[in-house]
Structures are given as structure tokens and as C-alpha cells.
C-alpha atoms as a PDB file:
ATOM      1  CA  MET A   1       9.964  20.231 -11.555  1.00  0.00           C
ATOM      2  CA  THR A   2      13.603  19.397 -10.990  1.00  0.00           C
ATOM      3  CA  HIS A   3      14.387  16.126  -9.218  1.00  0.00           C
ATOM      4  CA  ARG A   4      17.495  16.068  -7.041  1.00  0.00           C
ATOM      5  CA  ILE A   5      19.337  12.764  -7.556  1.00  0.00           C
ATOM      6  CA  ALA A   6      22.274  11.507  -5.497  1.00  0.00           C
ATOM      7  CA  VAL A   7      24.465   9.337  -7.709  1.00  0.00           C
ATOM      8  CA  ILE A   8      26.639   6.590  -6.234  1.00  0.00           C
ATOM      9  CA  GLY A   9      28.491   5.214  -9.244  1.00  0.00           C
ATOM     10  CA  GLY A  10      30.333   2.667  -7.153  1.00  0.00           C
ATOM     11  CA  ASP A  11      32.965   0.356  -8.571  1.00  0.00           C
ATOM     12  CA  GLY A  12      33.903  -1.489 -11.737  1.00  0.00           C
ATOM     13  CA  ILE A  13      31.263  -0.904 -14.389  1.00  0.00           C
ATOM     14  CA  GLY A  14      29.030   0.986 -11.934  1.00  0.00           C
ATOM     15  CA  PRO A  15      30.073   4.548 -12.888  1.00  0.00           C
ATOM     16  CA  GLU A  16      29.687   3.778 -16.595  1.00  0.00           C
ATOM     17  CA  VAL A  17      26.225   2.260 -16.109  1.00  0.00           C
ATOM     18  CA  THR A  18      24.972   5.100 -13.912  1.00  0.00           C
ATOM     19  CA  ALA A  19      26.255   7.670 -16.446  1.00  0.00           C
ATOM     20  CA  GLU A  20      24.275   5.934 -19.204  1.00  0.00           C
ATOM     21  CA  ALA A  21      21.193   5.668 -16.969  1.00  0.00           C
ATOM     22  CA  LEU A  22      21.333   9.429 -16.379  1.00  0.00           C
ATOM     23  CA  LYS A  23      21.525  10.016 -20.150  1.00  0.00           C
ATOM     24  CA  VAL A  24      18.360   7.945 -20.585  1.00  0.00           C
ATOM     25  CA  VAL A  25      16.521   9.838 -17.834  1.00  0.00           C
ATOM     26  CA  ARG A  26      17.491  13.183 -19.383  1.00  0.00           C
ATOM     27  CA  ALA A  27      16.571  11.960 -22.893  1.00  0.00           C
ATOM     28  CA  ALA A  28      13.127  11.047 -21.512  1.00  0.00           C
ATOM     29  CA  GLY A  29      12.689  14.729 -20.640  1.00  0.00           C
ATOM     30  CA  VAL A  30      13.057  14.442 -16.876  1.00  0.00           C
ATOM     31  CA  ASP A  31      14.642  17.525 -15.323  1.00  0.00           C
ATOM     32  CA  ILE A  32      17.308  16.319 -12.882  1.00  0.00           C
ATOM     33  CA  ASP A  33      20.011  17.883 -10.797  1.00  0.00           C
ATOM     34  CA  THR A  34      22.648  15.333  -9.773  1.00  0.00           C
ATOM     35  CA  ALA A  35      25.378  15.124  -7.162  1.00  0.00           C
ATOM     36  CA  GLU A  36      28.080  12.444  -7.239  1.00  0.00           C
ATOM     37  CA  PHE A  37      29.002  10.538  -4.082  1.00  0.00           C
ATOM     38  CA  ASP A  38      32.276   8.622  -3.981  1.00  0.00           C
ATOM     39  CA  LEU A  39      31.205   5.469  -2.137  1.00  0.00           C
ATOM     40  CA  GLY A  40      32.001   1.804  -2.662  1.00  0.00           C
ATOM     41  CA  GLY A  41      34.863  -0.660  -2.503  1.00  0.00           C
ATOM     42  CA  ALA A  42      37.526   1.584  -4.026  1.00  0.00           C
ATOM     43  CA  ARG A  43      36.728   4.359  -1.559  1.00  0.00           C
ATOM     44  CA  TYR A  44      36.827   1.894   1.345  1.00  0.00           C
ATOM     45  CA  LEU A  45      40.257   0.621   0.250  1.00  0.00           C
ATOM     46  CA  ARG A  46      41.544   4.185  -0.178  1.00  0.00           C
ATOM     47  CA  ASP A  47      40.520   5.653   3.179  1.00  0.00           C
ATOM     48  CA  GLY A  48      38.309   3.207   5.097  1.00  0.00           C
ATOM     49  CA  GLU A  49      35.123   5.222   4.425  1.00  0.00           C
ATOM     50  CA  ILE A  50      31.997   3.290   3.515  1.00  0.00           C
ATOM     51  CA  LEU A  51      29.003   5.404   4.524  1.00  0.00           C
ATOM     52  CA  SER A  52      29.418   7.895   7.322  1.00  0.00           C
ATOM     53  CA  ASP A  53      26.449   9.182   9.301  1.00  0.00           C
ATOM     54  CA  GLU A  54      27.173  12.644   7.876  1.00  0.00           C
ATOM     55  CA  THR A  55      26.967  11.357   4.295  1.00  0.00           C
ATOM     56  CA  LEU A  56      23.797   9.427   5.141  1.00  0.00           C
ATOM     57  CA  ASP A  57      22.240  12.641   6.496  1.00  0.00           C
ATOM     58  CA  GLU A  58      23.222  14.420   3.279  1.00  0.00           C
ATOM     59  CA  LEU A  59      21.593  11.663   1.181  1.00  0.00           C
ATOM     60  CA  ARG A  60      18.314  12.242   3.056  1.00  0.00           C
ATOM     61  CA  GLY A  61      18.045  15.608   1.282  1.00  0.00           C
ATOM     62  CA  TYR A  62      17.707  14.061  -2.186  1.00  0.00           C
ATOM     63  CA  ASP A  63      14.594  12.894  -3.994  1.00  0.00           C
ATOM     64  CA  ALA A  64      16.257   9.656  -5.097  1.00  0.00           C
ATOM     65  CA  ILE A  65      19.536   7.755  -5.047  1.00  0.00           C
ATOM     66  CA  LEU A  66      20.908   6.113  -8.189  1.00  0.00           C
ATOM     67  CA  LEU A  67      23.167   3.302  -7.002  1.00  0.00           C
ATOM     68  CA  GLY A  68      25.557   1.574  -9.386  1.00  0.00           C
ATOM     69  CA  ALA A  69      27.463  -1.646  -8.831  1.00  0.00           C
ATOM     70  CA  VAL A  70      29.463  -1.494  -5.616  1.00  0.00           C
ATOM     71  CA  GLY A  71      32.205  -3.722  -4.306  1.00  0.00           C
ATOM     72  CA  THR A  72      35.535  -5.080  -5.386  1.00  0.00           C
ATOM     73  CA  PRO A  73      37.261  -8.447  -4.832  1.00  0.00           C
ATOM     74  CA  ASP A  74      39.785  -6.727  -2.544  1.00  0.00           C
ATOM     75  CA  VAL A  75      37.082  -5.961   0.055  1.00  0.00           C
ATOM     76  CA  PRO A  76      35.958  -8.947   2.148  1.00  0.00           C
ATOM     77  CA  PRO A  77      32.434 -10.209   1.426  1.00  0.00           C
ATOM     78  CA  GLY A  78      29.742  -8.548   3.506  1.00  0.00           C
ATOM     79  CA  VAL A  79      31.618  -5.338   4.323  1.00  0.00           C
ATOM     80  CA  ILE A  80      30.099  -3.189   1.564  1.00  0.00           C
ATOM     81  CA  GLU A  81      26.748  -4.983   1.686  1.00  0.00           C
ATOM     82  CA  ARG A  82      26.234  -4.358   5.408  1.00  0.00           C
ATOM     83  CA  SER A  83      27.877  -0.950   5.698  1.00  0.00           C
ATOM     84  CA  LEU A  84      26.494   0.676   2.547  1.00  0.00           C
ATOM     85  CA  GLN A  85      23.530  -1.135   1.034  1.00  0.00           C
ATOM     86  CA  ILE A  86      21.875  -2.507   4.162  1.00  0.00           C
ATOM     87  CA  LYS A  87      22.642   0.667   6.126  1.00  0.00           C
ATOM     88  CA  MET A  88      20.939   2.813   3.459  1.00  0.00           C
ATOM     89  CA  ARG A  89      17.948   0.462   3.274  1.00  0.00           C
ATOM     90  CA  PHE A  90      17.330   0.522   7.012  1.00  0.00           C
ATOM     91  CA  GLN A  91      18.276   4.109   7.840  1.00  0.00           C
ATOM     92  CA  LEU A  92      16.348   5.566   4.877  1.00  0.00           C
ATOM     93  CA  ASP A  93      13.530   2.998   5.176  1.00  0.00           C
ATOM     94  CA  LEU A  94      13.887   1.895   1.543  1.00  0.00           C
ATOM     95  CA  TYR A  95      11.367  -0.871   2.059  1.00  0.00           C
ATOM     96  CA  ILE A  96      10.428  -1.620  -1.563  1.00  0.00           C
ATOM     97  CA  ASN A  97      12.630  -3.378  -4.092  1.00  0.00           C
ATOM     98  CA  LEU A  98      10.877  -2.762  -7.432  1.00  0.00           C
ATOM     99  CA  ARG A  99      11.961  -4.791 -10.457  1.00  0.00           C
ATOM    100  CA  PRO A 100       9.946  -3.920 -13.573  1.00  0.00           C
ATOM    101  CA  ILE A 101      10.109  -6.349 -16.490  1.00  0.00           C
ATOM    102  CA  LYS A 102       9.233  -5.458 -20.073  1.00  0.00           C
ATOM    103  CA  LEU A 103      10.718  -7.776 -22.685  1.00  0.00           C
ATOM    104  CA  LEU A 104      12.284  -6.349 -25.813  1.00  0.00           C
ATOM    105  CA  HIS A 105      13.076  -9.530 -27.734  1.00  0.00           C
ATOM    106  CA  GLU A 106      11.262 -12.822 -28.267  1.00  0.00           C
ATOM    107  CA  SER A 107      14.323 -14.903 -27.317  1.00  0.00           C
ATOM    108  CA  LEU A 108      14.110 -13.485 -23.785  1.00  0.00           C
ATOM    109  CA  CYS A 109      10.532 -14.608 -23.132  1.00  0.00           C
ATOM    110  CA  PRO A 110      10.392 -17.191 -20.312  1.00  0.00           C
ATOM    111  CA  ILE A 111       6.779 -18.170 -21.040  1.00  0.00           C
ATOM    112  CA  LYS A 112       6.212 -20.835 -23.685  1.00  0.00           C
ATOM    113  CA  GLU A 113       4.190 -19.654 -26.694  1.00  0.00           C
ATOM    114  CA  LYS A 114       4.271 -16.024 -25.543  1.00  0.00           C
ATOM    115  CA  GLY A 115       6.227 -13.050 -26.809  1.00  0.00           C
ATOM    116  CA  PRO A 116       7.543  -9.712 -25.523  1.00  0.00           C
ATOM    117  CA  ALA A 117       4.134  -8.046 -25.890  1.00  0.00           C
ATOM    118  CA  ASP A 118       2.744 -10.540 -23.383  1.00  0.00           C
ATOM    119  CA  VAL A 119       5.262  -9.768 -20.641  1.00  0.00           C
ATOM    120  CA  ASP A 120       4.873  -6.474 -18.808  1.00  0.00           C
ATOM    121  CA  MET A 121       5.114  -6.996 -15.079  1.00  0.00           C
ATOM    122  CA  ALA A 122       6.745  -5.786 -11.910  1.00  0.00           C
ATOM    123  CA  ILE A 123       8.290  -7.817  -9.126  1.00  0.00           C
ATOM    124  CA  ILE A 124       7.799  -6.208  -5.704  1.00  0.00           C
ATOM    125  CA  ARG A 125      10.059  -7.380  -2.866  1.00  0.00           C
ATOM    126  CA  GLU A 126      10.248  -6.233   0.718  1.00  0.00           C
ATOM    127  CA  ASN A 127      13.688  -4.674   1.098  1.00  0.00           C
ATOM    128  CA  THR A 128      14.318  -4.318   4.859  1.00  0.00           C
ATOM    129  CA  GLU A 129      13.037  -7.509   6.457  1.00  0.00           C
ATOM    130  CA  GLY A 130      13.499 -11.229   5.861  1.00  0.00           C
ATOM    131  CA  ALA A 131      17.069 -12.118   4.942  1.00  0.00           C
ATOM    132  CA  TYR A 132      18.063  -8.436   5.196  1.00  0.00           C
ATOM    133  CA  ALA A 133      17.283  -8.266   8.914  1.00  0.00           C
ATOM    134  CA  GLY A 134      20.627  -9.890   9.724  1.00  0.00           C
ATOM    135  CA  MET A 135      19.328 -12.778  11.808  1.00  0.00           C
ATOM    136  CA  HIS A 136      21.984 -15.323  10.990  1.00  0.00           C
ATOM    137  CA  GLY A 137      24.857 -17.221  12.471  1.00  0.00           C
ATOM    138  CA  PHE A 138      26.836 -20.464  12.620  1.00  0.00           C
ATOM    139  CA  ALA A 139      26.910 -23.614  14.659  1.00  0.00           C
ATOM    140  CA  HIS A 140      30.066 -25.761  14.946  1.00  0.00           C
ATOM    141  CA  LYS A 141      32.066 -23.067  13.112  1.00  0.00           C
ATOM    142  CA  GLY A 142      35.334 -24.379  11.696  1.00  0.00           C
ATOM    143  CA  GLN A 143      34.411 -28.005  12.318  1.00  0.00           C
ATOM    144  CA  PRO A 144      33.234 -30.735   9.928  1.00  0.00           C
ATOM    145  CA  LEU A 145      29.657 -30.283  11.187  1.00  0.00           C
ATOM    146  CA  GLU A 146      29.668 -26.516  10.539  1.00  0.00           C
ATOM    147  CA  VAL A 147      26.286 -25.172   9.510  1.00  0.00           C
ATOM    148  CA  ALA A 148      25.095 -21.681   8.653  1.00  0.00           C
ATOM    149  CA  THR A 149      21.701 -20.421   9.751  1.00  0.00           C
ATOM    150  CA  GLN A 150      19.513 -17.704   8.281  1.00  0.00           C
ATOM    151  CA  THR A 151      16.200 -16.769   9.849  1.00  0.00           C
ATOM    152  CA  MET A 152      13.782 -14.745   7.755  1.00  0.00           C
ATOM    153  CA  VAL A 153      11.406 -12.661   9.847  1.00  0.00           C
ATOM    154  CA  TYR A 154       8.627 -10.539   8.353  1.00  0.00           C
ATOM    155  CA  THR A 155       6.485  -8.216  10.433  1.00  0.00           C
ATOM    156  CA  ARG A 156       2.806  -7.679   9.745  1.00  0.00           C
ATOM    157  CA  GLU A 157       3.500  -3.990   9.047  1.00  0.00           C
ATOM    158  CA  GLY A 158       6.327  -4.858   6.630  1.00  0.00           C
ATOM    159  CA  VAL A 159       4.183  -7.306   4.671  1.00  0.00           C
ATOM    160  CA  GLU A 160       1.173  -4.980   4.621  1.00  0.00           C
ATOM    161  CA  ARG A 161       3.087  -2.011   3.240  1.00  0.00           C
ATOM    162  CA  ALA A 162       4.738  -4.130   0.520  1.00  0.00           C
ATOM    163  CA  VAL A 163       1.380  -5.644  -0.474  1.00  0.00           C
ATOM    164  CA  ARG A 164      -0.264  -2.199  -0.384  1.00  0.00           C
ATOM    165  CA  TYR A 165       2.486  -0.792  -2.622  1.00  0.00           C
ATOM    166  CA  ALA A 166       2.056  -3.673  -5.095  1.00  0.00           C
ATOM    167  CA  PHE A 167      -1.712  -3.258  -5.322  1.00  0.00           C
ATOM    168  CA  GLU A 168      -1.477   0.509  -5.705  1.00  0.00           C
ATOM    169  CA  LEU A 169       1.094   0.037  -8.467  1.00  0.00           C
END
């Protein structure tokens, strides 16, 4: 079975890392068909495009998206995050952030008196609620008493599907 993968190399080291990741996937014997998408900070600086609705619709047709590092110091903070990453998460309902951990070297082990063989775990995070919901703001902006606010809201459905995913994994 061939898996159709949309590849967003992004910026900086992103294209190099995604190219190496694809080599690993192919070396593991996975049959993939890839399509490159020019999205990220450099693209935004070149023509103002971040993630159009047309491109988002095209991404829906793939089995997976491989996203490299995106962003560049020349793009103001938050522009790429909100208009590319958060938009994809919400519009494609990418509700799980899966971070598997398998240690390869003893010096990396964070648990005293344990080694790499003892650490094989996965961190499961909800990816579309909480801090990602965009419930934030400022009070007294530009004044000495300025304060930023961030409200993290989790729905019952959001928590249940993340917990269900973790237990099934």
C-alpha cells in the first residue's frame, strides 16, 4: 500500500531534516508517494502566502503531512504559528500531538539508575484546545502594569478523545 505524504519542508534546516526523514521512512520499507509544498516564512516573505484555503483543501487529500521547521526571524512572531500551524491543526482536526521517546544512549536517560532499555514511552498531548484555542490578551498594554493573559480551556470531548487515543496506543 502506497501512502501519500504531503511534505512541507519549511525554512532553515527544515527541508534538510524532512529529506532525511523521508530517507528513513523509505529505508524502513514503507512505500510512499510524496508531494512538496512550498510553505513557511520564506514563502510568506516572497509573496505573502502562508496557507491558502485552496492549499489546505489539497492537503486534505493526503494520508499524512510531514512538517519541517517553519519560520524565519524576518517574519513577526505569531504570523506563521497562527496562519500555518494552528490553521492546519484546527481545520484538519489534528487533535493529537504524539511524542514517542526511546533512548539510544545512557547519557540521555533522565531517570536515576536507569538506562535506555528502561525508557520507551509516548507523550500524548491534545493539539487543538488549551493554549492553542487562542484565548489570550493583554491588560494595561504598553504601560508599566502591562500583563498578558492566557486561558486554557479543554472540552470534555477533547479530553476524552486524547485519553482514548493514549489508552488505545
